[in-house]
Amino acid sequence: MLESIYVGMTGLLGYSRGLRVIANNTANLNTPGFKSSSLQFADMFYTSGGANGSTTQSEHMGFGLNTAGTAMSFKQGELRQTGNDLDMAVDGQGLFVLKDAQEKITYTRAGQFKFDTDGTLVSRINGEKVMSMDGNGNFAPISLTGKMMNLGKPTTRVEFSGNLSNTVTEQTTGGITVVDGGGTSHTLSIKFTVKSSDQAGTTMKVELLDGSAVVHTGEMVFVNGKPTVATATMQASYTPTGQPPMALALDFSSDVVLFAGQTSLKVDSQDGVGPGALAGAAFDTTGTLVMTYSNGQTVKGAKLALARFDSQDAVGSIGDNQFEALDQNAWHYGAASEGAFGKVQSGRVEISNVDLSQEFSDLVIMQRGYQASSQVISTANDMLQELFSMKSR
């Protein structure tokens, strides 16, 4: 009878552990990146022996229920939109790589990140640094240091379009803005003067002006109302005050014509950009940092490192939405959208993969198992009581 009580107690202990696993899963129903677990049950050892000491009949008497640890499910959870560009989720295989102050590497599916006061990308949970991977395969933090300003670039090419009137001998177009190497904008004008005109074509003197000062002089030849290929692009040199000389290509080749009517020549585009401050930072589907600036420029930075494992035996949960490597040989590193790694979804976070309907079904099973085990103990106890009462009869 005592053995039956001990066997029943193993059932109570095992099902109480199962209840704890279910309780942990349901409690983390809304925890980002959480991976549910299930308790693995196994029967205990057995003893063999013949009935009543006989060696002709074998008996295998079990000693109850054993638990063989838990198994995590790495099924992907729902990707929920947050509206925060620094919230990220991996759609597919891959975990983000973190490094704490003690240089310990951990992994997470909960991509809830921010840039700290030093401009370093960190986890919002405990402040671990989010890792990128350099060209040599080494981990490095992702930082905005030195990237808060975009210096822009000086103008090298100005493209024009519109009509130059062939009914006047002199005409001027203003509002030509160029940017020097220091990021300062300058407004120039361009003056066209007819030098000669006959059936072969029209030759014009072209002067680039900074105010009233001529900074460059050239010629353009029009044949049948269009500039010739040789003179359609003019190479000019302009020296802003306090800056080194800058080479400018004045391009009239696309949509500039010489016909009757009013002058409508204007600047179509110029490739110079002034300085700008950092306006936003986000990550694309490859995990690459994309920085946008107030001057309209977009610059790409470091790329997030991702990790994956070959076997679930190589990963262990350590809390705070993080995992650790139990077998480093089973881990691989790379970047999003490469090989077996999934894509990074910005503005989303992966929530728990807990299946509440499954947990409630398991809860009923645990409850019935616990109830049955307790009934076995009660029955064995009643039988012992009956045995003890035989003496007094």
Protein backbone atom coordinates (compact mmCIF):
# COMPACT_ATOMS: atom_id res chain seq x y z
CA MET A 1 0.00 0.00 0.00
CA LEU A 2 2.80 2.38 0.84
CA GLU A 3 4.26 1.92 -2.63
CA SER A 4 0.93 2.97 -4.13
CA ILE A 5 0.96 6.13 -2.01
CA TYR A 6 4.48 6.93 -3.19
CA VAL A 7 3.45 6.34 -6.83
CA GLY A 8 0.45 8.62 -6.37
CA MET A 9 2.73 11.30 -4.90
CA THR A 10 4.91 11.23 -8.02
CA GLY A 11 1.77 11.92 -10.03
CA LEU A 12 0.87 14.88 -7.79
CA LEU A 13 4.39 16.25 -8.09
CA GLY A 14 4.55 15.78 -11.88
CA TYR A 15 1.14 17.34 -12.58
CA SER A 16 1.90 20.26 -10.27
CA ARG A 17 5.04 20.91 -12.32
CA GLY A 18 2.95 20.71 -15.47
CA LEU A 19 0.55 23.25 -13.98
CA ARG A 20 3.47 25.56 -13.29
CA VAL A 21 4.60 25.38 -16.93
CA ILE A 22 1.06 26.17 -18.10
CA ALA A 23 0.84 29.03 -15.60
CA ASN A 24 4.12 30.48 -16.92
CA ASN A 25 2.91 30.23 -20.52
CA THR A 26 -0.42 31.92 -19.85
CA ALA A 27 1.17 34.60 -17.68
CA ASN A 28 3.43 35.52 -20.61
CA LEU A 29 0.61 35.59 -23.14
CA ASN A 30 1.46 39.20 -24.11
CA THR A 31 5.24 39.11 -23.52
CA PRO A 32 7.09 40.12 -26.72
CA GLY A 33 9.31 37.38 -28.11
CA PHE A 34 8.20 34.82 -25.51
CA LYS A 35 8.38 31.16 -26.54
CA SER A 36 6.03 28.73 -24.87
CA SER A 37 7.22 25.51 -23.21
CA SER A 38 5.70 22.11 -22.57
CA LEU A 39 6.62 19.67 -19.82
CA GLN A 40 7.89 16.26 -20.95
CA PHE A 41 6.52 13.31 -18.96
CA ALA A 42 8.11 9.88 -18.63
CA ASP A 43 7.42 6.81 -16.54
CA MET A 44 9.83 5.97 -13.72
CA PHE A 45 11.97 2.86 -13.37
CA TYR A 46 10.52 -0.63 -12.85
CA THR A 47 11.32 -3.59 -10.68
CA SER A 48 11.06 -7.14 -11.96
CA GLY A 49 10.22 -10.24 -9.99
CA GLY A 50 8.03 -13.29 -9.96
CA ALA A 51 4.65 -13.31 -8.33
CA ASN A 52 4.92 -14.60 -4.74
CA GLY A 53 8.63 -15.14 -5.25
CA SER A 54 8.13 -17.39 -8.25
CA THR A 55 10.67 -17.25 -11.06
CA THR A 56 8.23 -18.56 -13.68
CA GLN A 57 6.07 -15.49 -13.92
CA SER A 58 7.57 -12.05 -14.45
CA GLU A 59 6.14 -8.86 -12.95
CA HIS A 60 7.13 -5.30 -13.82
CA MET A 61 6.09 -2.92 -11.09
CA GLY A 62 6.44 0.78 -11.91
CA PHE A 63 7.40 3.51 -9.48
CA GLY A 64 5.28 6.30 -10.93
CA LEU A 65 5.63 9.47 -12.99
CA ASN A 66 8.82 11.30 -13.85
CA THR A 67 9.38 14.65 -15.60
CA ALA A 68 12.10 14.85 -18.22
CA GLY A 69 12.42 18.62 -18.52
CA THR A 70 10.68 21.15 -20.73
CA ALA A 71 10.76 21.71 -24.48
CA MET A 72 10.42 25.19 -26.00
CA SER A 73 8.39 25.89 -29.10
CA PHE A 74 10.10 28.34 -31.46
CA LYS A 75 7.06 28.68 -33.67
CA GLN A 76 6.84 32.30 -34.80
CA GLY A 77 4.39 34.52 -32.96
CA GLU A 78 2.17 37.17 -34.48
CA LEU A 79 3.93 40.32 -35.74
CA ARG A 80 2.04 43.19 -34.18
CA GLN A 81 2.34 46.75 -35.48
CA THR A 82 3.54 49.35 -32.95
CA GLY A 83 4.23 52.48 -35.01
CA ASN A 84 7.72 52.78 -33.49
CA ASP A 85 10.41 52.56 -36.20
CA LEU A 86 12.90 51.07 -33.71
CA ASP A 87 10.59 48.18 -32.82
CA MET A 88 11.68 45.29 -35.00
CA ALA A 89 10.68 41.70 -35.63
CA VAL A 90 12.27 38.94 -37.68
CA ASP A 91 9.83 37.43 -40.16
CA GLY A 92 11.39 33.99 -40.42
CA GLN A 93 14.46 32.49 -38.80
CA GLY A 94 16.84 34.59 -36.74
CA LEU A 95 17.36 36.21 -33.36
CA PHE A 96 18.81 39.62 -32.62
CA VAL A 97 22.24 39.59 -30.95
CA LEU A 98 22.78 41.53 -27.71
CA LYS A 99 25.88 42.20 -25.58
CA ASP A 100 25.68 43.31 -21.95
CA ALA A 101 28.14 45.33 -19.85
CA GLN A 102 30.05 42.13 -18.96
CA GLU A 103 30.51 41.32 -22.68
CA LYS A 104 28.10 38.39 -22.46
CA ILE A 105 26.31 37.59 -25.71
CA THR A 106 22.58 36.84 -25.53
CA TYR A 107 19.82 36.55 -28.12
CA THR A 108 16.25 37.77 -28.40
CA ARG A 109 13.22 37.74 -30.67
CA ALA A 110 11.84 40.81 -28.91
CA GLY A 111 13.23 43.67 -31.00
CA GLN A 112 12.26 46.53 -28.69
CA PHE A 113 15.17 48.91 -29.20
CA LYS A 114 16.09 52.56 -28.77
CA PHE A 115 19.09 54.87 -29.17
CA ASP A 116 20.46 55.84 -25.76
CA THR A 117 21.94 59.22 -24.80
CA ASP A 118 25.28 58.18 -26.34
CA GLY A 119 23.60 57.38 -29.67
CA THR A 120 24.04 53.61 -29.28
CA LEU A 121 21.25 51.20 -30.20
CA VAL A 122 20.25 49.28 -27.06
CA SER A 123 17.47 47.05 -25.79
CA ARG A 124 14.71 48.90 -23.98
CA ILE A 125 14.47 46.07 -21.44
CA ASN A 126 17.91 46.08 -19.77
CA GLY A 127 20.03 48.34 -21.99
CA GLU A 128 22.13 45.63 -23.68
CA LYS A 129 23.83 46.84 -26.85
CA VAL A 130 22.40 45.60 -30.14
CA MET A 131 25.11 44.07 -32.31
CA SER A 132 25.94 44.49 -35.98
CA MET A 133 28.50 42.44 -37.87
CA ASP A 134 31.45 44.01 -39.67
CA GLY A 135 33.14 42.77 -42.82
CA ASN A 136 35.43 40.48 -40.81
CA GLY A 137 32.55 38.75 -39.03
CA ASN A 138 33.12 40.54 -35.72
CA PHE A 139 30.33 41.98 -33.59
CA ALA A 140 30.17 45.75 -33.21
CA PRO A 141 27.61 48.11 -31.62
CA ILE A 142 25.36 50.27 -33.80
CA SER A 143 25.95 53.94 -33.09
CA LEU A 144 24.90 57.35 -34.41
CA THR A 145 28.11 58.96 -33.19
CA GLY A 146 29.51 61.11 -35.99
CA LYS A 147 26.31 60.71 -38.00
CA MET A 148 24.12 63.42 -36.47
CA MET A 149 24.90 65.83 -39.33
CA ASN A 150 25.13 65.34 -43.08
CA LEU A 151 27.59 67.76 -44.66
CA GLY A 152 25.94 67.60 -48.04
CA LYS A 153 27.95 68.02 -51.22
CA PRO A 154 28.91 70.90 -53.51
CA THR A 155 27.21 71.46 -56.84
CA THR A 156 28.97 69.86 -59.80
CA ARG A 157 26.21 69.92 -62.44
CA VAL A 158 23.37 72.29 -63.32
CA GLU A 159 20.78 71.23 -65.90
CA PHE A 160 18.62 73.75 -67.82
CA SER A 161 15.43 73.58 -69.83
CA GLY A 162 13.26 76.09 -71.69
CA ASN A 163 13.37 78.49 -74.62
CA LEU A 164 15.88 81.20 -75.51
CA SER A 165 14.26 83.86 -77.67
CA ASN A 166 15.78 84.30 -81.14
CA THR A 167 14.18 87.74 -81.49
CA VAL A 168 16.52 89.53 -79.05
CA THR A 169 20.27 89.93 -79.05
CA GLU A 170 20.75 89.82 -75.29
CA GLN A 171 18.90 87.96 -72.52
CA THR A 172 19.65 86.99 -68.93
CA THR A 173 18.36 84.16 -66.73
CA GLY A 174 18.79 84.41 -62.95
CA GLY A 175 18.00 82.28 -59.93
CA ILE A 176 20.75 79.74 -60.55
CA THR A 177 21.50 78.39 -57.06
CA VAL A 178 24.71 76.43 -56.43
CA VAL A 179 26.13 75.04 -53.18
CA ASP A 180 29.83 75.38 -52.38
CA GLY A 181 32.03 72.94 -50.43
CA GLY A 182 31.21 74.67 -47.16
CA GLY A 183 27.47 74.15 -47.62
CA THR A 184 26.73 77.79 -48.48
CA SER A 185 24.28 78.53 -51.29
CA HIS A 186 25.10 81.12 -53.96
CA THR A 187 22.73 82.59 -56.53
CA LEU A 188 24.21 83.13 -59.98
CA SER A 189 22.83 84.29 -63.32
CA ILE A 190 23.68 83.54 -66.90
CA LYS A 191 23.74 86.03 -69.79
CA PHE A 192 23.38 85.14 -73.47
CA THR A 193 24.53 87.57 -76.17
CA VAL A 194 24.20 86.88 -79.93
CA LYS A 195 27.62 87.02 -81.62
CA SER A 196 26.55 85.94 -85.09
CA SER A 197 23.51 84.51 -86.81
CA ASP A 198 23.12 83.15 -90.36
CA GLN A 199 21.74 80.17 -92.21
CA ALA A 200 24.42 77.90 -90.74
CA GLY A 201 23.31 78.64 -87.18
CA THR A 202 23.46 81.09 -84.31
CA THR A 203 26.52 81.60 -82.10
CA MET A 204 25.98 83.02 -78.62
CA LYS A 205 28.39 84.34 -76.04
CA VAL A 206 27.56 82.83 -72.65
CA GLU A 207 28.62 84.60 -69.42
CA LEU A 208 28.18 83.16 -65.93
CA LEU A 209 27.65 86.03 -63.48
CA ASP A 210 27.96 86.33 -59.70
CA GLY A 211 26.10 89.58 -59.25
CA SER A 212 27.70 91.84 -61.84
CA ALA A 213 31.03 89.98 -61.87
CA VAL A 214 31.69 87.62 -64.77
CA VAL A 215 33.06 84.34 -63.41
CA HIS A 216 33.17 82.39 -66.66
CA THR A 217 32.76 83.01 -70.40
CA GLY A 218 32.00 80.51 -73.14
CA GLU A 219 30.14 80.02 -76.44
CA MET A 220 27.12 78.04 -77.60
CA VAL A 221 26.17 77.26 -81.18
CA PHE A 222 22.54 76.61 -82.13
CA VAL A 223 21.65 74.77 -85.35
CA ASN A 224 17.98 74.41 -86.26
CA GLY A 225 17.05 75.71 -82.81
CA LYS A 226 19.05 73.13 -80.85
CA PRO A 227 22.51 73.46 -79.29
CA THR A 228 25.21 71.42 -80.98
CA VAL A 229 26.57 68.41 -79.12
CA ALA A 230 30.01 69.99 -78.80
CA THR A 231 28.68 73.17 -77.13
CA ALA A 232 25.58 71.86 -75.30
CA THR A 233 27.53 71.30 -72.05
CA MET A 234 29.79 74.04 -70.78
CA GLN A 235 32.54 73.43 -68.24
CA ALA A 236 32.80 76.45 -65.95
CA SER A 237 34.91 77.28 -62.91
CA TYR A 238 33.50 79.30 -60.02
CA THR A 239 35.39 80.45 -56.93
CA PRO A 240 33.09 81.43 -54.03
CA THR A 241 34.41 83.84 -51.44
CA GLY A 242 36.55 82.01 -48.90
CA GLN A 243 36.22 78.67 -50.72
CA PRO A 244 38.39 76.82 -53.22
CA PRO A 245 37.39 76.84 -56.91
CA MET A 246 34.53 74.55 -57.86
CA ALA A 247 33.98 73.01 -61.28
CA LEU A 248 30.47 73.39 -62.69
CA ALA A 249 29.04 71.57 -65.69
CA LEU A 250 26.28 73.75 -67.24
CA ASP A 251 24.12 71.29 -69.18
CA PHE A 252 21.82 72.67 -71.94
CA SER A 253 21.63 69.42 -73.91
CA SER A 254 18.24 68.09 -72.87
CA ASP A 255 15.40 70.58 -73.31
CA VAL A 256 16.93 73.93 -74.30
CA VAL A 257 15.84 75.42 -77.64
CA LEU A 258 16.25 78.70 -79.55
CA PHE A 259 12.98 79.84 -81.11
CA ALA A 260 10.77 82.88 -81.33
CA GLY A 261 8.77 83.88 -78.31
CA GLN A 262 9.55 84.80 -74.74
CA THR A 263 12.59 83.55 -72.87
CA SER A 264 11.62 80.73 -70.50
CA LEU A 265 15.02 79.26 -69.68
CA LYS A 266 15.18 77.91 -66.11
CA VAL A 267 17.18 75.56 -63.94
CA ASP A 268 15.80 72.02 -64.07
CA SER A 269 18.06 70.58 -61.40
CA GLN A 270 21.36 70.95 -59.63
CA ASP A 271 23.08 68.20 -57.67
CA GLY A 272 24.42 70.26 -54.77
CA VAL A 273 23.06 69.70 -51.25
CA GLY A 274 23.55 71.86 -48.18
CA PRO A 275 24.17 70.48 -44.68
CA GLY A 276 21.33 68.80 -42.80
CA ALA A 277 20.61 67.42 -39.33
CA LEU A 278 19.55 63.85 -38.63
CA ALA A 279 15.77 63.67 -38.99
CA GLY A 280 15.14 59.95 -38.55
CA ALA A 281 16.72 56.52 -38.25
CA ALA A 282 15.09 53.21 -39.13
CA PHE A 283 16.01 49.76 -40.46
CA ASP A 284 15.03 48.23 -43.79
CA THR A 285 14.13 44.59 -44.47
CA THR A 286 17.82 43.62 -44.68
CA GLY A 287 18.42 45.05 -41.20
CA THR A 288 20.43 47.97 -42.57
CA LEU A 289 20.32 51.25 -40.67
CA VAL A 290 18.85 53.98 -42.89
CA MET A 291 19.39 57.57 -41.73
CA THR A 292 17.44 60.45 -43.24
CA TYR A 293 18.49 64.09 -42.94
CA SER A 294 16.72 67.40 -43.12
CA ASN A 295 18.49 68.17 -46.43
CA GLY A 296 16.73 65.24 -48.06
CA GLN A 297 19.75 62.96 -48.07
CA THR A 298 19.53 59.29 -47.12
CA VAL A 299 22.57 57.43 -45.83
CA LYS A 300 22.88 53.72 -45.04
CA GLY A 301 24.82 52.54 -42.00
CA ALA A 302 25.55 49.29 -40.14
CA LYS A 303 23.58 46.09 -40.63
CA LEU A 304 21.97 44.16 -37.77
CA ALA A 305 23.55 40.83 -36.87
CA LEU A 306 21.20 37.85 -36.68
CA ALA A 307 21.77 34.41 -35.17
CA ARG A 308 20.10 31.04 -35.65
CA PHE A 309 20.63 27.56 -34.23
CA ASP A 310 20.51 24.01 -35.61
CA SER A 311 18.93 22.32 -32.60
CA GLN A 312 16.68 23.46 -29.78
CA ASP A 313 19.05 21.65 -27.41
CA ALA A 314 21.55 24.44 -28.16
CA VAL A 315 19.41 27.26 -26.74
CA GLY A 316 18.19 28.04 -23.25
CA SER A 317 15.86 30.70 -21.87
CA ILE A 318 17.35 33.07 -19.28
CA GLY A 319 14.46 35.54 -18.79
CA ASP A 320 14.01 39.17 -19.82
CA ASN A 321 12.95 37.94 -23.29
CA GLN A 322 16.46 36.58 -23.87
CA PHE A 323 18.11 33.28 -24.70
CA GLU A 324 21.64 31.94 -24.34
CA ALA A 325 23.74 29.51 -26.39
CA LEU A 326 24.17 26.12 -24.69
CA ASP A 327 26.21 24.72 -27.58
CA GLN A 328 28.05 27.40 -29.51
CA ASN A 329 28.92 24.99 -32.32
CA ALA A 330 25.24 24.77 -33.27
CA TRP A 331 24.87 28.54 -33.81
CA HIS A 332 25.29 30.49 -37.05
CA TYR A 333 25.47 34.23 -37.71
CA GLY A 334 24.57 36.42 -40.64
CA ALA A 335 22.25 39.18 -41.79
CA ALA A 336 18.56 39.46 -42.62
CA SER A 337 17.37 38.32 -46.06
CA GLU A 338 20.56 36.27 -46.51
CA GLY A 339 20.59 32.49 -46.64
CA ALA A 340 18.19 30.95 -44.14
CA PHE A 341 17.63 34.20 -42.25
CA GLY A 342 14.27 35.98 -42.42
CA LYS A 343 13.49 39.62 -43.14
CA VAL A 344 13.44 42.41 -40.59
CA GLN A 345 10.07 44.12 -40.20
CA SER A 346 10.42 47.64 -38.81
CA GLY A 347 7.63 49.15 -36.73
CA ARG A 348 6.47 45.70 -35.56
CA VAL A 349 7.19 43.44 -32.63
CA GLU A 350 6.73 39.69 -32.35
CA ILE A 351 4.39 38.78 -29.51
CA SER A 352 4.19 35.52 -27.58
CA ASN A 353 3.51 32.31 -29.48
CA VAL A 354 1.36 30.93 -26.64
CA ASP A 355 -1.72 29.09 -27.96
CA LEU A 356 -4.30 29.83 -25.26
CA SER A 357 -6.74 27.15 -26.43
CA GLN A 358 -3.98 24.52 -26.22
CA GLU A 359 -2.96 25.74 -22.76
CA PHE A 360 -6.53 25.49 -21.45
CA SER A 361 -6.87 21.98 -22.88
CA ASP A 362 -3.63 20.96 -21.18
CA LEU A 363 -4.88 22.59 -17.99
CA VAL A 364 -7.91 20.26 -17.91
CA ILE A 365 -5.65 17.24 -18.46
CA MET A 366 -3.31 18.32 -15.65
CA GLN A 367 -6.25 18.87 -13.35
CA ARG A 368 -7.72 15.42 -14.07
CA GLY A 369 -4.33 13.75 -13.69
CA TYR A 370 -3.77 15.47 -10.36
CA GLN A 371 -7.27 14.52 -9.24
CA ALA A 372 -6.74 10.88 -10.24
CA SER A 373 -3.39 10.68 -8.47
CA SER A 374 -4.89 12.12 -5.29
CA GLN A 375 -7.71 9.57 -5.54
CA VAL A 376 -5.14 6.75 -5.72
CA ILE A 377 -3.53 8.06 -2.52
CA SER A 378 -6.92 8.31 -0.80
CA THR A 379 -7.85 4.78 -1.86
CA ALA A 380 -4.51 3.35 -0.64
CA ASN A 381 -4.96 5.19 2.64
CA ASP A 382 -8.47 3.73 3.05
CA MET A 383 -7.13 0.24 2.44
CA LEU A 384 -4.41 0.77 5.06
CA GLN A 385 -7.03 1.96 7.50
CA GLU A 386 -9.07 -1.16 6.81
CA LEU A 387 -5.98 -3.29 7.42
CA PHE A 388 -5.19 -1.57 10.71
CA SER A 389 -8.79 -1.96 11.89
CA MET A 390 -8.67 -5.76 11.47
CA LYS A 391 -6.70 -6.09 14.72
CA SER A 392 -9.54 -4.70 16.80
CA ARG A 393 -12.16 -6.99 15.34
